[in-house]
Amino acid sequence: MLPFLQFFGFKIPMYGLCIVLGILCSGVISYFFCKKFNKNFYDFIIISTLVLSFGFVFAKIIFLIIEFPIKEIPRLLINMLSNSNSNLLGSGFVFYGGLFGGILGYYLGVKIAKCNFSDFVSFFVFIVPLVHGFGRIGCFCAGCCYGIPYEGFFSVCYKTPLSSVETGIEIFPVQLLEAFLMIIFAVFVIIFLSKGKTISFVYYLLLYSLCRFFLEYLRFDSERGHFLWFSTSQWISILIFIFSALFLFVSNVKRIK
């Protein structure tokens, strides 16, 4: 597991590289779907740029809110903006923060591109889990979001100090499990879209919130933020699952009526 990839003498962060690969794959697939469904690819580029930008910013801000005192956040933000070598700039993200930021970015992108809100929603049902899956592979390479001590089948052992993961002990590769689940879901959505069918983004929220709730029990990194019986991510997962389930229930009742 390496945090950097040497390329012509330059060190490229593996986490960032994996994210970029996920974005490129999503962009190529989305280009063909724009052709298939007669959508404007340039509108998609505008919306995607805002989704990524807001997702990155919100994922970082929520991480800072969870990990540091509120009064320290302005100083940390200024340090990151003024220092390109800041450790906080390339590490430390909260996925749920990025998800909420991405939804806001999508809403603004639709307004700027002047297209219908539903035009590209079905695209992001596979884009989000696909990029997320690649990102978790990057987490595995960087040694963050690591799993519980585990000596069974498929265990891994970090021998080089990375992030806050302990070296020399076998742990469960929870990052790869999450990546596998997200990429499999993305593939199923792509297959559905290729057949002219669409899947509501709410199904992704429902599935991921359920998966994330149980995956939290396999996480062992300190950035969990526990409150009462559950971690911060588990509480958010519970809320997202409840609202998603209620939304689907109400939508189905209205459709039946």
Protein backbone atom coordinates (compact mmCIF):
# COMPACT_ATOMS: atom_id res chain seq x y z
CA MET A 1 0.00 0.00 0.00
CA LEU A 2 1.58 3.30 -1.07
CA PRO A 3 0.36 6.85 -0.41
CA PHE A 4 2.16 8.17 -3.52
CA LEU A 5 2.88 6.98 -7.05
CA GLN A 6 6.19 8.00 -8.57
CA PHE A 7 5.68 9.38 -12.09
CA PHE A 8 8.64 10.97 -13.95
CA GLY A 9 10.09 12.07 -10.64
CA PHE A 10 6.84 13.49 -9.30
CA LYS A 11 4.91 12.15 -6.31
CA ILE A 12 1.22 11.74 -7.12
CA PRO A 13 -1.09 11.06 -4.12
CA MET A 14 -2.79 7.70 -4.64
CA TYR A 15 -6.05 8.93 -3.12
CA GLY A 16 -6.24 11.83 -5.56
CA LEU A 17 -5.21 9.60 -8.46
CA CYS A 18 -7.99 7.11 -7.68
CA ILE A 19 -10.56 9.92 -7.47
CA VAL A 20 -9.40 11.29 -10.83
CA LEU A 21 -9.64 7.82 -12.41
CA GLY A 22 -13.18 7.46 -11.06
CA ILE A 23 -14.15 10.87 -12.44
CA LEU A 24 -12.65 10.07 -15.85
CA CYS A 25 -14.46 6.72 -16.05
CA SER A 26 -17.72 8.37 -15.06
CA GLY A 27 -17.20 11.13 -17.61
CA VAL A 28 -16.57 8.72 -20.48
CA ILE A 29 -19.64 6.61 -19.62
CA SER A 30 -21.79 9.72 -19.17
CA TYR A 31 -20.69 11.00 -22.60
CA PHE A 32 -22.15 7.91 -24.28
CA PHE A 33 -25.34 8.17 -22.21
CA CYS A 34 -25.71 11.82 -23.23
CA LYS A 35 -25.58 10.66 -26.83
CA LYS A 36 -28.02 7.83 -26.14
CA PHE A 37 -30.60 9.98 -24.33
CA ASN A 38 -30.00 13.12 -26.45
CA LYS A 39 -28.69 15.19 -23.54
CA ASN A 40 -26.35 18.16 -23.84
CA PHE A 41 -22.92 16.98 -22.71
CA TYR A 42 -21.75 20.54 -22.03
CA ASP A 43 -24.64 21.02 -19.58
CA PHE A 44 -23.47 17.83 -17.91
CA ILE A 45 -19.92 19.23 -17.63
CA ILE A 46 -21.21 22.42 -15.95
CA ILE A 47 -23.35 20.48 -13.47
CA SER A 48 -20.61 17.94 -12.73
CA THR A 49 -18.06 20.68 -12.06
CA LEU A 50 -20.33 22.27 -9.46
CA VAL A 51 -21.17 18.89 -7.94
CA LEU A 52 -17.47 18.05 -7.52
CA SER A 53 -16.55 21.51 -6.25
CA PHE A 54 -19.30 21.72 -3.65
CA GLY A 55 -18.78 18.08 -2.72
CA PHE A 56 -15.07 18.64 -2.06
CA VAL A 57 -15.65 21.80 -0.02
CA PHE A 58 -18.44 20.37 2.12
CA ALA A 59 -16.57 17.09 2.69
CA LYS A 60 -13.60 19.06 4.00
CA ILE A 61 -15.62 21.49 6.11
CA ILE A 62 -17.62 18.74 7.82
CA PHE A 63 -14.36 16.91 8.57
CA LEU A 64 -12.94 20.04 10.22
CA ILE A 65 -16.12 20.55 12.24
CA ILE A 66 -15.99 16.97 13.54
CA GLU A 67 -12.27 16.86 14.26
CA PHE A 68 -11.42 20.35 15.52
CA PRO A 69 -12.90 23.00 17.82
CA ILE A 70 -15.13 25.48 15.96
CA LYS A 71 -12.90 28.42 16.84
CA GLU A 72 -9.92 26.72 15.13
CA ILE A 73 -11.68 26.17 11.77
CA PRO A 74 -11.12 29.69 10.28
CA ARG A 75 -7.40 29.43 11.03
CA LEU A 76 -7.20 25.96 9.49
CA LEU A 77 -9.05 27.09 6.36
CA ILE A 78 -6.70 30.04 5.92
CA ASN A 79 -3.71 27.74 6.40
CA MET A 80 -4.97 25.32 3.75
CA LEU A 81 -5.65 28.09 1.24
CA SER A 82 -2.27 29.77 1.79
CA ASN A 83 -0.15 26.62 2.06
CA SER A 84 -0.36 24.13 -0.81
CA ASN A 85 1.72 21.64 1.22
CA SER A 86 -0.76 21.55 4.10
CA ASN A 87 -1.51 17.98 5.21
CA LEU A 88 -5.15 18.90 5.73
CA LEU A 89 -5.57 19.86 2.08
CA GLY A 90 -5.05 16.37 0.70
CA SER A 91 -6.52 14.27 3.50
CA GLY A 92 -9.48 14.28 5.82
CA PHE A 93 -12.88 14.16 4.14
CA VAL A 94 -16.34 13.16 5.31
CA PHE A 95 -18.30 11.42 2.58
CA TYR A 96 -21.72 12.47 3.84
CA GLY A 97 -20.59 16.08 3.83
CA GLY A 98 -19.49 15.65 0.23
CA LEU A 99 -22.81 14.01 -0.63
CA PHE A 100 -24.86 16.90 0.74
CA GLY A 101 -22.55 19.42 -0.91
CA GLY A 102 -22.82 17.56 -4.21
CA ILE A 103 -26.64 17.68 -4.07
CA LEU A 104 -26.48 21.44 -3.52
CA GLY A 105 -23.99 21.75 -6.38
CA TYR A 106 -26.32 19.78 -8.65
CA TYR A 107 -29.21 22.09 -7.83
CA LEU A 108 -27.13 25.20 -8.63
CA GLY A 109 -25.69 23.57 -11.75
CA VAL A 110 -29.15 22.87 -13.12
CA LYS A 111 -30.08 26.51 -12.55
CA ILE A 112 -26.95 27.77 -14.30
CA ALA A 113 -27.27 25.34 -17.23
CA LYS A 114 -30.99 26.16 -17.47
CA CYS A 115 -32.08 22.55 -17.87
CA ASN A 116 -34.63 20.36 -16.14
CA PHE A 117 -33.77 19.05 -12.69
CA SER A 118 -34.41 15.44 -13.79
CA ASP A 119 -32.23 15.60 -16.93
CA PHE A 120 -29.06 14.19 -15.34
CA VAL A 121 -30.20 12.78 -11.98
CA SER A 122 -30.16 9.22 -13.31
CA PHE A 123 -26.52 9.71 -14.38
CA PHE A 124 -25.42 10.54 -10.86
CA VAL A 125 -27.02 7.36 -9.53
CA PHE A 126 -23.98 5.55 -10.95
CA ILE A 127 -21.47 8.41 -10.92
CA VAL A 128 -21.56 8.94 -7.15
CA PRO A 129 -21.02 5.29 -6.15
CA LEU A 130 -18.47 4.77 -8.93
CA VAL A 131 -16.30 7.73 -7.88
CA HIS A 132 -16.87 6.81 -4.24
CA GLY A 133 -15.68 3.25 -4.94
CA PHE A 134 -12.49 4.50 -6.57
CA GLY A 135 -12.02 6.88 -3.66
CA ARG A 136 -12.21 4.03 -1.15
CA ILE A 137 -9.50 2.21 -3.09
CA GLY A 138 -7.44 5.38 -2.63
CA CYS A 139 -8.23 5.27 1.10
CA PHE A 140 -6.90 1.71 1.20
CA CYS A 141 -3.67 2.79 -0.50
CA ALA A 142 -3.28 5.81 1.79
CA GLY A 143 -4.01 3.86 4.99
CA CYS A 144 -6.99 5.95 6.10
CA CYS A 145 -10.51 4.76 7.01
CA TYR A 146 -8.93 1.43 7.97
CA GLY A 147 -10.66 -1.59 9.48
CA ILE A 148 -10.72 -3.47 12.76
CA PRO A 149 -7.95 -5.89 13.86
CA TYR A 150 -8.65 -9.12 12.01
CA GLU A 151 -6.56 -12.22 11.29
CA GLY A 152 -8.95 -14.18 9.09
CA PHE A 153 -9.34 -14.52 5.33
CA PHE A 154 -8.37 -11.48 3.24
CA SER A 155 -6.71 -9.64 6.12
CA VAL A 156 -4.01 -7.07 5.33
CA CYS A 157 -1.01 -5.72 7.21
CA TYR A 158 0.49 -2.25 6.71
CA LYS A 159 4.26 -2.34 7.06
CA THR A 160 4.84 1.32 6.18
CA PRO A 161 3.49 4.07 8.49
CA LEU A 162 0.56 5.66 6.64
CA SER A 163 -2.04 8.03 8.04
CA SER A 164 -2.92 6.86 11.58
CA VAL A 165 -3.09 3.13 10.82
CA GLU A 166 -1.02 0.89 13.07
CA THR A 167 1.74 -1.09 11.40
CA GLY A 168 2.58 -4.74 11.95
CA ILE A 169 -0.95 -5.94 12.81
CA GLU A 170 -3.47 -7.63 10.55
CA ILE A 171 -6.66 -5.68 9.90
CA PHE A 172 -9.84 -6.03 7.88
CA PRO A 173 -9.74 -4.18 4.51
CA VAL A 174 -13.09 -2.44 5.02
CA GLN A 175 -12.18 0.19 2.40
CA LEU A 176 -12.02 -2.48 -0.31
CA LEU A 177 -15.30 -4.02 0.81
CA GLU A 178 -17.04 -0.66 0.57
CA ALA A 179 -15.39 -0.01 -2.81
CA PHE A 180 -16.60 -3.40 -4.09
CA LEU A 181 -20.20 -2.76 -2.97
CA MET A 182 -20.30 0.71 -4.51
CA ILE A 183 -18.76 -0.32 -7.83
CA ILE A 184 -21.11 -3.32 -8.13
CA PHE A 185 -24.09 -1.04 -7.52
CA ALA A 186 -22.77 1.42 -10.13
CA VAL A 187 -22.40 -1.39 -12.68
CA PHE A 188 -26.01 -2.49 -12.14
CA VAL A 189 -27.23 1.09 -12.64
CA ILE A 190 -25.16 1.40 -15.83
CA ILE A 191 -26.73 -1.81 -17.15
CA PHE A 192 -30.22 -0.47 -16.37
CA LEU A 193 -29.47 2.82 -18.11
CA SER A 194 -28.06 1.05 -21.16
CA LYS A 195 -31.45 -0.66 -21.51
CA GLY A 196 -33.27 2.65 -21.38
CA LYS A 197 -34.40 2.25 -17.76
CA THR A 198 -33.77 4.69 -14.93
CA ILE A 199 -33.28 4.30 -11.19
CA SER A 200 -34.19 6.99 -8.67
CA PHE A 201 -31.29 8.52 -6.73
CA VAL A 202 -33.28 7.74 -3.60
CA TYR A 203 -32.51 4.03 -4.07
CA TYR A 204 -28.82 4.82 -3.88
CA LEU A 205 -29.36 6.80 -0.67
CA LEU A 206 -31.37 3.94 0.77
CA LEU A 207 -28.77 1.30 -0.12
CA TYR A 208 -25.72 3.27 0.90
CA SER A 209 -27.13 4.43 4.24
CA LEU A 210 -27.89 0.81 5.08
CA CYS A 211 -24.44 -0.41 4.00
CA ARG A 212 -22.63 2.42 5.75
CA PHE A 213 -24.43 1.80 9.04
CA PHE A 214 -23.07 -1.77 9.24
CA LEU A 215 -19.68 -0.98 7.69
CA GLU A 216 -19.06 1.42 10.57
CA TYR A 217 -18.76 -1.59 12.88
CA LEU A 218 -15.82 -2.75 10.75
CA ARG A 219 -14.01 0.61 10.93
CA PHE A 220 -11.29 1.18 13.49
CA ASP A 221 -9.89 4.61 12.68
CA SER A 222 -10.29 7.29 15.32
CA GLU A 223 -12.31 9.72 13.14
CA ARG A 224 -15.67 8.21 14.14
CA GLY A 225 -17.22 10.90 16.35
CA HIS A 226 -19.39 8.73 18.63
CA PHE A 227 -22.56 10.00 20.26
CA LEU A 228 -24.58 7.70 22.52
CA TRP A 229 -24.64 4.25 20.89
CA PHE A 230 -23.58 5.12 17.35
CA SER A 231 -20.97 7.02 15.40
CA THR A 232 -21.72 10.29 13.61
CA SER A 233 -21.96 8.49 10.26
CA GLN A 234 -24.34 5.92 11.70
CA TRP A 235 -26.70 8.62 12.99
CA ILE A 236 -26.64 10.29 9.58
CA SER A 237 -27.22 6.89 7.93
CA ILE A 238 -30.27 6.30 10.12
CA LEU A 239 -31.77 9.68 9.20
CA ILE A 240 -31.08 9.22 5.48
CA PHE A 241 -32.54 5.70 5.52
CA ILE A 242 -35.73 6.85 7.27
CA PHE A 243 -36.32 9.83 4.98
CA SER A 244 -35.49 7.80 1.85
CA ALA A 245 -37.85 5.01 2.87
CA LEU A 246 -40.62 7.52 3.65
CA PHE A 247 -40.07 9.25 0.32
CA LEU A 248 -40.35 5.98 -1.60
CA PHE A 249 -43.43 4.95 0.39
CA VAL A 250 -45.23 8.24 -0.27
CA SER A 251 -44.22 8.18 -3.94
CA ASN A 252 -45.56 4.64 -4.38
CA VAL A 253 -48.83 5.50 -2.62
CA LYS A 254 -49.34 8.51 -4.90
CA ARG A 255 -48.55 6.42 -7.98
CA ILE A 256 -51.03 3.73 -6.94
CA LYS A 257 -53.74 6.34 -6.33
